[in-house]
């Protein structure tokens, strides 16, 4: 009982630190975008463990959530802040909007760890739900551990049954991972700080209108184009 309570208290405290840490002029958000960009760069470093290029090329949306903090003993959970971009009608990728990922779990999982996650969305369906409010992976849309390696390209082209494919990177290696049960939602406060606009909306960001994209966001989008046009 003591261990369970300690686990819950630890996760609650760490989550509050991640969510409520003071930010100055969007510095924290800029750092998050830079970390997301670095995670994308790692995709092609190990060809046998890469996300199939065709999967990225045919995606409607791509989310990168760097440094997800996972902690637990008997009861645990994970929390992370990342960014999401979608493919617009003209084929360009939108400015990134901030999103949060939160999940809980039951079962032995001693210790704590950091990992990066990438979500590949096939259609606008899930993105619309995220924009409308809280969205749960697996409940509101099917999610599966994504195929890895360039040799998986053929299989990826032939059969894609899930709405969302998920990947995790820990210790430099990418692998397909299921994030079923995790919730995603727009992080409006992070958007306000990053774009330095108290009234910025998700629609403005994802339509790339009425906001100025910081240099870190431009670098992130450059990495997206490199991956999808590969």
C-alpha atoms as a PDB file:
ATOM      1  CA  UNK A   1       0.000   0.000   0.000  1.00  0.00           C
ATOM      2  CA  UNK A   2       2.863   2.370   0.886  1.00  0.00           C
ATOM      3  CA  UNK A   3       4.591   1.599  -2.421  1.00  0.00           C
ATOM      4  CA  UNK A   4       1.404   2.312  -4.397  1.00  0.00           C
ATOM      5  CA  UNK A   5       0.855   5.621  -2.613  1.00  0.00           C
ATOM      6  CA  UNK A   6       4.492   6.593  -3.128  1.00  0.00           C
ATOM      7  CA  UNK A   7       4.221   5.764  -6.829  1.00  0.00           C
ATOM      8  CA  UNK A   8       1.119   7.870  -7.272  1.00  0.00           C
ATOM      9  CA  UNK A   9       2.592  10.766  -5.285  1.00  0.00           C
ATOM     10  CA  UNK A  10       5.854  10.641  -7.238  1.00  0.00           C
ATOM     11  CA  UNK A  11       4.067  10.656 -10.587  1.00  0.00           C
ATOM     12  CA  UNK A  12       1.782  13.487  -9.494  1.00  0.00           C
ATOM     13  CA  UNK A  13       4.710  15.609  -8.356  1.00  0.00           C
ATOM     14  CA  UNK A  14       6.772  14.954 -11.467  1.00  0.00           C
ATOM     15  CA  UNK A  15       3.790  15.627 -13.702  1.00  0.00           C
ATOM     16  CA  UNK A  16       3.158  18.933 -11.982  1.00  0.00           C
ATOM     17  CA  UNK A  17       6.792  19.884 -12.463  1.00  0.00           C
ATOM     18  CA  UNK A  18       6.616  19.107 -16.167  1.00  0.00           C
ATOM     19  CA  UNK A  19       3.339  20.953 -16.655  1.00  0.00           C
ATOM     20  CA  UNK A  20       3.824  23.938 -14.357  1.00  0.00           C
ATOM     21  CA  UNK A  21       7.534  24.704 -14.719  1.00  0.00           C
ATOM     22  CA  UNK A  22       7.820  28.480 -15.349  1.00  0.00           C
ATOM     23  CA  UNK A  23       8.525  29.506 -18.922  1.00  0.00           C
ATOM     24  CA  UNK A  24      10.160  32.735 -20.022  1.00  0.00           C
ATOM     25  CA  UNK A  25       9.180  34.099 -23.452  1.00  0.00           C
ATOM     26  CA  UNK A  26       8.540  30.625 -24.796  1.00  0.00           C
ATOM     27  CA  UNK A  27      12.055  29.340 -23.999  1.00  0.00           C
ATOM     28  CA  UNK A  28      10.741  25.997 -22.768  1.00  0.00           C
ATOM     29  CA  UNK A  29       8.571  25.582 -25.851  1.00  0.00           C
ATOM     30  CA  UNK A  30      11.473  26.448 -28.156  1.00  0.00           C
ATOM     31  CA  UNK A  31      13.561  23.785 -26.415  1.00  0.00           C
ATOM     32  CA  UNK A  32      10.764  21.249 -26.962  1.00  0.00           C
ATOM     33  CA  UNK A  33      10.629  22.022 -30.681  1.00  0.00           C
ATOM     34  CA  UNK A  34      14.399  21.632 -30.909  1.00  0.00           C
ATOM     35  CA  UNK A  35      14.220  18.269 -29.143  1.00  0.00           C
ATOM     36  CA  UNK A  36      11.461  17.150 -31.530  1.00  0.00           C
ATOM     37  CA  UNK A  37      13.619  18.168 -34.479  1.00  0.00           C
ATOM     38  CA  UNK A  38      16.557  16.198 -33.071  1.00  0.00           C
ATOM     39  CA  UNK A  39      14.337  13.121 -32.661  1.00  0.00           C
ATOM     40  CA  UNK A  40      13.326  13.330 -36.322  1.00  0.00           C
ATOM     41  CA  UNK A  41      16.975  13.509 -37.362  1.00  0.00           C
ATOM     42  CA  UNK A  42      17.618  10.233 -35.570  1.00  0.00           C
ATOM     43  CA  UNK A  43      15.090   8.345 -37.722  1.00  0.00           C
ATOM     44  CA  UNK A  44      17.422   7.683 -40.640  1.00  0.00           C
ATOM     45  CA  UNK A  45      20.599   6.977 -38.668  1.00  0.00           C
ATOM     46  CA  UNK A  46      19.831   3.266 -38.305  1.00  0.00           C
ATOM     47  CA  UNK A  47      18.243   2.051 -41.600  1.00  0.00           C
ATOM     48  CA  UNK A  48      17.036  -1.274 -40.172  1.00  0.00           C
ATOM     49  CA  UNK A  49      15.218   0.571 -37.383  1.00  0.00           C
ATOM     50  CA  UNK A  50      13.815   3.511 -39.320  1.00  0.00           C
ATOM     51  CA  UNK A  51      10.176   4.464 -39.886  1.00  0.00           C
ATOM     52  CA  UNK A  52       9.319   3.391 -43.461  1.00  0.00           C
ATOM     53  CA  UNK A  53       9.589   6.443 -45.757  1.00  0.00           C
ATOM     54  CA  UNK A  54       6.335   5.530 -47.542  1.00  0.00           C
ATOM     55  CA  UNK A  55       4.438   5.637 -44.256  1.00  0.00           C
ATOM     56  CA  UNK A  56       5.648   9.175 -43.604  1.00  0.00           C
ATOM     57  CA  UNK A  57       5.091  10.262 -47.208  1.00  0.00           C
ATOM     58  CA  UNK A  58       1.449   9.170 -47.141  1.00  0.00           C
ATOM     59  CA  UNK A  59       0.715  10.498 -43.654  1.00  0.00           C
ATOM     60  CA  UNK A  60      -1.858  13.191 -42.943  1.00  0.00           C
ATOM     61  CA  UNK A  61      -0.329  14.178 -39.629  1.00  0.00           C
ATOM     62  CA  UNK A  62       2.887  13.613 -37.697  1.00  0.00           C
ATOM     63  CA  UNK A  63       3.347  14.207 -33.973  1.00  0.00           C
ATOM     64  CA  UNK A  64       6.702  14.167 -32.195  1.00  0.00           C
ATOM     65  CA  UNK A  65       6.705  14.035 -28.396  1.00  0.00           C
ATOM     66  CA  UNK A  66      10.253  14.190 -27.037  1.00  0.00           C
ATOM     67  CA  UNK A  67      11.343  13.190 -23.566  1.00  0.00           C
ATOM     68  CA  UNK A  68       8.169  11.520 -22.356  1.00  0.00           C
ATOM     69  CA  UNK A  69       8.698  10.947 -18.653  1.00  0.00           C
ATOM     70  CA  UNK A  70       7.558   7.529 -17.484  1.00  0.00           C
ATOM     71  CA  UNK A  71       7.555   6.559 -13.827  1.00  0.00           C
ATOM     72  CA  UNK A  72       6.011   3.727 -11.850  1.00  0.00           C
ATOM     73  CA  UNK A  73       6.306   0.962  -9.330  1.00  0.00           C
ATOM     74  CA  UNK A  74       2.951  -0.796  -9.132  1.00  0.00           C
ATOM     75  CA  UNK A  75       0.857   2.043 -10.475  1.00  0.00           C
ATOM     76  CA  UNK A  76       2.515   4.399 -12.910  1.00  0.00           C
ATOM     77  CA  UNK A  77       2.089   6.667 -15.874  1.00  0.00           C
ATOM     78  CA  UNK A  78       3.746   8.854 -18.425  1.00  0.00           C
ATOM     79  CA  UNK A  79       3.536  12.477 -19.440  1.00  0.00           C
ATOM     80  CA  UNK A  80       4.993  14.481 -22.276  1.00  0.00           C
ATOM     81  CA  UNK A  81       4.623  17.678 -24.286  1.00  0.00           C
ATOM     82  CA  UNK A  82       5.234  17.608 -28.037  1.00  0.00           C
ATOM     83  CA  UNK A  83       4.181  19.089 -31.353  1.00  0.00           C
ATOM     84  CA  UNK A  84       1.857  18.101 -34.182  1.00  0.00           C
ATOM     85  CA  UNK A  85       1.869  19.127 -37.837  1.00  0.00           C
ATOM     86  CA  UNK A  86      -0.652  18.209 -40.544  1.00  0.00           C
ATOM     87  CA  UNK A  87      -0.631  18.090 -44.321  1.00  0.00           C
ATOM     88  CA  UNK A  88      -2.603  20.962 -45.821  1.00  0.00           C
ATOM     89  CA  UNK A  89      -4.701  20.882 -48.992  1.00  0.00           C
ATOM     90  CA  UNK A  90      -1.840  22.349 -51.030  1.00  0.00           C
ATOM     91  CA  UNK A  91       0.507  19.608 -49.832  1.00  0.00           C
ATOM     92  CA  UNK A  92       2.478  21.831 -47.474  1.00  0.00           C
ATOM     93  CA  UNK A  93       2.911  20.944 -43.812  1.00  0.00           C
ATOM     94  CA  UNK A  94       1.309  23.226 -41.240  1.00  0.00           C
ATOM     95  CA  UNK A  95       2.965  25.177 -38.480  1.00  0.00           C
ATOM     96  CA  UNK A  96       3.337  22.943 -35.415  1.00  0.00           C
ATOM     97  CA  UNK A  97       0.811  23.055 -32.607  1.00  0.00           C
ATOM     98  CA  UNK A  98       1.695  21.878 -29.127  1.00  0.00           C
ATOM     99  CA  UNK A  99      -0.001  18.786 -27.717  1.00  0.00           C
ATOM    100  CA  UNK A 100       0.213  16.892 -24.436  1.00  0.00           C
ATOM    101  CA  UNK A 101       0.247  13.125 -23.917  1.00  0.00           C
ATOM    102  CA  UNK A 102      -0.821  11.542 -20.634  1.00  0.00           C
ATOM    103  CA  UNK A 103      -1.386   7.917 -19.680  1.00  0.00           C
ATOM    104  CA  UNK A 104      -1.558   5.664 -16.647  1.00  0.00           C
ATOM    105  CA  UNK A 105      -0.775   1.988 -16.221  1.00  0.00           C
ATOM    106  CA  UNK A 106      -0.973  -0.886 -13.759  1.00  0.00           C
ATOM    107  CA  UNK A 107       1.695  -3.529 -13.267  1.00  0.00           C
ATOM    108  CA  UNK A 108       5.324  -3.760 -12.200  1.00  0.00           C
ATOM    109  CA  UNK A 109       7.464  -1.140 -13.929  1.00  0.00           C
ATOM    110  CA  UNK A 110      10.188  -0.134 -11.528  1.00  0.00           C
ATOM    111  CA  UNK A 111      12.149   3.070 -11.944  1.00  0.00           C
ATOM    112  CA  UNK A 112      11.757   6.000 -14.294  1.00  0.00           C
ATOM    113  CA  UNK A 113      12.848   6.694 -17.851  1.00  0.00           C
ATOM    114  CA  UNK A 114      12.737   9.198 -20.682  1.00  0.00           C
ATOM    115  CA  UNK A 115      11.803   8.294 -24.249  1.00  0.00           C
ATOM    116  CA  UNK A 116      10.738   9.981 -27.485  1.00  0.00           C
ATOM    117  CA  UNK A 117       7.540   9.083 -29.313  1.00  0.00           C
ATOM    118  CA  UNK A 118       6.416   9.652 -32.885  1.00  0.00           C
ATOM    119  CA  UNK A 119       2.811   9.220 -33.990  1.00  0.00           C
ATOM    120  CA  UNK A 120       1.899   8.900 -37.668  1.00  0.00           C
ATOM    121  CA  UNK A 121      -1.730   9.737 -38.507  1.00  0.00           C
ATOM    122  CA  UNK A 122      -3.213   8.335 -41.711  1.00  0.00           C
ATOM    123  CA  UNK A 123      -6.332  10.500 -42.056  1.00  0.00           C
ATOM    124  CA  UNK A 124      -7.874  13.772 -40.752  1.00  0.00           C
ATOM    125  CA  UNK A 125     -10.299  11.843 -38.520  1.00  0.00           C
ATOM    126  CA  UNK A 126      -8.085  11.652 -35.425  1.00  0.00           C
ATOM    127  CA  UNK A 127      -6.688  15.147 -35.884  1.00  0.00           C
ATOM    128  CA  UNK A 128     -10.214  16.570 -35.862  1.00  0.00           C
ATOM    129  CA  UNK A 129     -10.951  14.802 -32.571  1.00  0.00           C
ATOM    130  CA  UNK A 130      -7.753  16.151 -31.013  1.00  0.00           C
ATOM    131  CA  UNK A 131      -8.685  19.675 -32.110  1.00  0.00           C
ATOM    132  CA  UNK A 132     -12.196  19.268 -30.709  1.00  0.00           C
ATOM    133  CA  UNK A 133     -10.997  18.175 -27.281  1.00  0.00           C
ATOM    134  CA  UNK A 134      -9.427  15.333 -25.370  1.00  0.00           C
ATOM    135  CA  UNK A 135      -8.655  12.290 -27.512  1.00  0.00           C
ATOM    136  CA  UNK A 136      -7.804   8.761 -26.329  1.00  0.00           C
ATOM    137  CA  UNK A 137      -5.594   6.520 -28.418  1.00  0.00           C
ATOM    138  CA  UNK A 138      -7.171   3.138 -29.021  1.00  0.00           C
ATOM    139  CA  UNK A 139     -10.617   4.236 -27.849  1.00  0.00           C
ATOM    140  CA  UNK A 140     -11.314   7.061 -30.309  1.00  0.00           C
ATOM    141  CA  UNK A 141      -9.131   5.634 -33.088  1.00  0.00           C
ATOM    142  CA  UNK A 142      -7.227   2.415 -33.692  1.00  0.00           C
ATOM    143  CA  UNK A 143      -3.519   2.533 -32.949  1.00  0.00           C
ATOM    144  CA  UNK A 144      -0.768   0.006 -33.571  1.00  0.00           C
ATOM    145  CA  UNK A 145       2.962  -0.327 -33.140  1.00  0.00           C
ATOM    146  CA  UNK A 146       4.385   0.867 -36.437  1.00  0.00           C
ATOM    147  CA  UNK A 147       6.491  -1.240 -38.805  1.00  0.00           C
ATOM    148  CA  UNK A 148      10.211  -0.470 -38.826  1.00  0.00           C
ATOM    149  CA  UNK A 149      12.989  -0.683 -41.385  1.00  0.00           C
ATOM    150  CA  UNK A 150      13.175   0.159 -45.054  1.00  0.00           C
ATOM    151  CA  UNK A 151      12.366  -3.460 -45.870  1.00  0.00           C
ATOM    152  CA  UNK A 152       8.972  -2.931 -44.214  1.00  0.00           C
ATOM    153  CA  UNK A 153       8.030  -0.449 -46.947  1.00  0.00           C
ATOM    154  CA  UNK A 154       6.404  -3.037 -49.198  1.00  0.00           C
ATOM    155  CA  UNK A 155       4.262  -4.421 -46.394  1.00  0.00           C
ATOM    156  CA  UNK A 156       3.366  -0.904 -45.338  1.00  0.00           C
ATOM    157  CA  UNK A 157       2.170  -0.060 -48.841  1.00  0.00           C
ATOM    158  CA  UNK A 158       0.032  -3.189 -49.055  1.00  0.00           C
ATOM    159  CA  UNK A 159      -1.795  -3.124 -45.727  1.00  0.00           C
ATOM    160  CA  UNK A 160      -2.391  -0.319 -43.250  1.00  0.00           C
ATOM    161  CA  UNK A 161      -5.305  -1.205 -41.026  1.00  0.00           C
ATOM    162  CA  UNK A 162      -4.697   1.129 -38.093  1.00  0.00           C
ATOM    163  CA  UNK A 163      -5.596   4.801 -38.044  1.00  0.00           C
ATOM    164  CA  UNK A 164      -2.433   5.724 -36.147  1.00  0.00           C
ATOM    165  CA  UNK A 165       1.026   4.150 -36.007  1.00  0.00           C
ATOM    166  CA  UNK A 166       3.256   4.782 -33.013  1.00  0.00           C
ATOM    167  CA  UNK A 167       6.985   4.600 -32.419  1.00  0.00           C
ATOM    168  CA  UNK A 168       9.237   5.071 -29.438  1.00  0.00           C
ATOM    169  CA  UNK A 169      12.940   5.886 -29.276  1.00  0.00           C
ATOM    170  CA  UNK A 170      14.952   4.977 -26.228  1.00  0.00           C
ATOM    171  CA  UNK A 171      18.751   4.802 -26.040  1.00  0.00           C
ATOM    172  CA  UNK A 172      19.009   5.791 -29.685  1.00  0.00           C
ATOM    173  CA  UNK A 173      16.865   3.004 -31.125  1.00  0.00           C
ATOM    174  CA  UNK A 174      13.424   3.337 -32.694  1.00  0.00           C
ATOM    175  CA  UNK A 175      10.843   0.593 -32.283  1.00  0.00           C
ATOM    176  CA  UNK A 176       7.137   0.185 -32.829  1.00  0.00           C
ATOM    177  CA  UNK A 177       5.265   0.625 -29.562  1.00  0.00           C
ATOM    178  CA  UNK A 178       1.612   0.679 -28.563  1.00  0.00           C
ATOM    179  CA  UNK A 179       0.422   3.789 -26.742  1.00  0.00           C
ATOM    180  CA  UNK A 180      -3.145   2.549 -26.438  1.00  0.00           C
ATOM    181  CA  UNK A 181      -5.027   4.308 -23.658  1.00  0.00           C
ATOM    182  CA  UNK A 182      -2.930   7.475 -23.737  1.00  0.00           C
ATOM    183  CA  UNK A 183      -4.795  10.750 -24.114  1.00  0.00           C
ATOM    184  CA  UNK A 184      -3.823  13.588 -26.437  1.00  0.00           C
ATOM    185  CA  UNK A 185      -5.011  17.172 -26.316  1.00  0.00           C
ATOM    186  CA  UNK A 186      -4.013  20.595 -27.595  1.00  0.00           C
ATOM    187  CA  UNK A 187      -1.719  22.512 -25.232  1.00  0.00           C
ATOM    188  CA  UNK A 188      -3.049  26.037 -25.678  1.00  0.00           C
ATOM    189  CA  UNK A 189      -0.792  27.635 -23.064  1.00  0.00           C
ATOM    190  CA  UNK A 190       2.327  26.353 -24.799  1.00  0.00           C
ATOM    191  CA  UNK A 191       0.987  27.650 -28.117  1.00  0.00           C
ATOM    192  CA  UNK A 192       0.445  31.098 -26.620  1.00  0.00           C
ATOM    193  CA  UNK A 193       3.989  31.250 -25.253  1.00  0.00           C
ATOM    194  CA  UNK A 194       5.673  29.820 -28.343  1.00  0.00           C
ATOM    195  CA  UNK A 195       3.871  32.062 -30.834  1.00  0.00           C
ATOM    196  CA  UNK A 196       3.867  34.997 -28.392  1.00  0.00           C
ATOM    197  CA  UNK A 197       0.177  35.536 -29.002  1.00  0.00           C
ATOM    198  CA  UNK A 198      -2.344  35.274 -26.182  1.00  0.00           C
ATOM    199  CA  UNK A 199      -5.218  34.851 -28.614  1.00  0.00           C
ATOM    200  CA  UNK A 200      -3.692  32.396 -31.082  1.00  0.00           C
ATOM    201  CA  UNK A 201      -6.010  29.530 -31.998  1.00  0.00           C
ATOM    202  CA  UNK A 202      -5.300  25.982 -33.092  1.00  0.00           C
ATOM    203  CA  UNK A 203      -7.029  26.698 -36.400  1.00  0.00           C
ATOM    204  CA  UNK A 204      -4.731  29.649 -37.080  1.00  0.00           C
ATOM    205  CA  UNK A 205      -1.665  27.546 -36.354  1.00  0.00           C
ATOM    206  CA  UNK A 206      -2.671  24.510 -38.402  1.00  0.00           C
ATOM    207  CA  UNK A 207      -3.728  26.734 -41.309  1.00  0.00           C
ATOM    208  CA  UNK A 208      -0.408  28.622 -40.977  1.00  0.00           C
ATOM    209  CA  UNK A 209      -2.232  31.957 -40.860  1.00  0.00           C
ATOM    210  CA  UNK A 210      -2.084  35.071 -38.670  1.00  0.00           C
ATOM    211  CA  UNK A 211       0.973  33.836 -36.747  1.00  0.00           C
ATOM    212  CA  UNK A 212       4.729  34.133 -37.187  1.00  0.00           C
ATOM    213  CA  UNK A 213       6.649  30.855 -37.169  1.00  0.00           C
ATOM    214  CA  UNK A 214       9.810  31.008 -35.015  1.00  0.00           C
ATOM    215  CA  UNK A 215      13.098  29.761 -36.482  1.00  0.00           C
ATOM    216  CA  UNK A 216      12.968  26.570 -34.423  1.00  0.00           C
ATOM    217  CA  UNK A 217       9.620  25.760 -36.041  1.00  0.00           C
ATOM    218  CA  UNK A 218      11.098  26.327 -39.497  1.00  0.00           C
ATOM    219  CA  UNK A 219      13.901  23.900 -38.692  1.00  0.00           C
ATOM    220  CA  UNK A 220      11.368  21.327 -37.528  1.00  0.00           C
ATOM    221  CA  UNK A 221       9.375  21.626 -40.753  1.00  0.00           C
ATOM    222  CA  UNK A 222      12.582  21.314 -42.796  1.00  0.00           C
ATOM    223  CA  UNK A 223      13.188  17.950 -41.117  1.00  0.00           C
ATOM    224  CA  UNK A 224       9.614  16.895 -41.901  1.00  0.00           C
ATOM    225  CA  UNK A 225      10.099  17.700 -45.578  1.00  0.00           C
ATOM    226  CA  UNK A 226      13.382  15.776 -45.653  1.00  0.00           C
ATOM    227  CA  UNK A 227      11.700  12.701 -44.211  1.00  0.00           C
ATOM    228  CA  UNK A 228       8.513  12.751 -46.301  1.00  0.00           C
ATOM    229  CA  UNK A 229      10.280  13.595 -49.556  1.00  0.00           C
ATOM    230  CA  UNK A 230      12.994  11.023 -49.027  1.00  0.00           C
END
